[in-house]
Amino acid sequence: MRFAFCLACFLLYWINVLPQSLVRYALVLFPIFIALAHATAQRPLRLAALAACFAALNGYLMVGFALQWRIAV
C-alpha cells in the first residue's frame, strides 16, 4: 500500500516537472522519513524527542536565514 502511494506521488509529480531533482529526493529523503515513521510509530516519547530535534533545527535554520548566514544543509 505504501509503495503504491509513493509511486502515485512520483507519477503525479513527474507530469509537470522534469525528474532531474526528484531522483535525489526519492533515493535519499523518502527512505529516511519512512524509517523514522517506523521507528517512532509505537513510541510517543521517541516521537516527541524527534519532533523537538526537528523544531530546534528549524529554528536554527530560520535564524540563519534571517541573519543571512551561509548554511549548507
Protein backbone atom coordinates (compact mmCIF):
# COMPACT_ATOMS: atom_id res chain seq x y z
CA MET A 1 0.00 0.00 0.00
CA ARG A 2 2.79 2.46 0.88
CA PHE A 3 4.66 1.62 -2.30
CA ALA A 4 1.55 2.32 -4.39
CA PHE A 5 1.07 5.66 -2.65
CA CYS A 6 4.71 6.68 -3.21
CA LEU A 7 4.55 5.57 -6.83
CA ALA A 8 1.38 7.58 -7.39
CA CYS A 9 3.01 10.67 -5.84
CA PHE A 10 6.05 10.33 -8.09
CA LEU A 11 3.95 9.85 -11.19
CA LEU A 12 1.78 12.86 -10.39
CA TYR A 13 4.90 14.93 -9.74
CA TRP A 14 6.58 13.86 -12.97
CA ILE A 15 3.63 15.02 -15.06
CA ASN A 16 4.63 18.70 -14.71
CA VAL A 17 8.28 18.66 -13.62
CA LEU A 18 11.45 17.26 -15.10
CA PRO A 19 12.59 14.37 -12.89
CA GLN A 20 16.18 15.54 -12.53
CA SER A 21 15.90 16.76 -8.95
CA LEU A 22 13.24 14.23 -7.95
CA VAL A 23 15.73 11.36 -8.09
CA ARG A 24 17.77 13.00 -5.34
CA TYR A 25 14.74 13.15 -3.05
CA ALA A 26 13.49 9.71 -3.95
CA LEU A 27 16.79 7.99 -3.22
CA VAL A 28 17.79 9.84 -0.07
CA LEU A 29 14.98 11.61 1.75
CA PHE A 30 11.97 9.33 1.42
CA PRO A 31 13.60 6.21 2.91
CA ILE A 32 14.83 8.27 5.87
CA PHE A 33 11.35 9.56 6.69
CA ILE A 34 9.79 6.13 6.23
CA ALA A 35 12.37 4.64 8.61
CA LEU A 36 11.73 7.42 11.15
CA ALA A 37 7.99 6.77 10.94
CA HIS A 38 8.53 3.08 11.63
CA ALA A 39 10.93 3.81 14.49
CA THR A 40 8.53 6.20 16.23
CA ALA A 41 5.19 4.54 15.42
CA GLN A 42 4.56 2.96 18.83
CA ARG A 43 6.89 5.10 20.95
CA PRO A 44 5.42 8.51 21.88
CA LEU A 45 8.49 9.61 23.85
CA ARG A 46 10.78 8.94 20.91
CA LEU A 47 8.35 10.78 18.63
CA ALA A 48 8.33 13.80 20.96
CA ALA A 49 12.15 13.82 21.05
CA LEU A 50 12.34 13.63 17.26
CA ALA A 51 9.82 16.45 16.89
CA ALA A 52 11.82 18.58 19.35
CA CYS A 53 15.02 17.95 17.38
CA PHE A 54 13.34 18.93 14.11
CA ALA A 55 11.86 22.04 15.77
CA ALA A 56 15.30 23.08 17.06
CA LEU A 57 16.85 22.53 13.63
CA ASN A 58 14.05 24.53 12.02
CA GLY A 59 14.59 27.37 14.48
CA TYR A 60 18.34 27.38 13.85
CA LEU A 61 17.85 27.46 10.09
CA MET A 62 15.23 30.22 10.36
CA VAL A 63 17.55 32.41 12.43
CA GLY A 64 20.37 31.71 10.00
CA PHE A 65 18.17 32.73 7.09
CA ALA A 66 17.06 35.93 8.84
CA LEU A 67 20.66 36.86 9.67
CA GLN A 68 21.86 35.82 6.20
CA TRP A 69 24.27 33.17 7.45
CA ARG A 70 25.74 30.84 4.87
CA ILE A 71 24.37 27.48 5.94
CA ALA A 72 24.62 24.36 3.81
CA VAL A 73 22.30 21.53 4.79
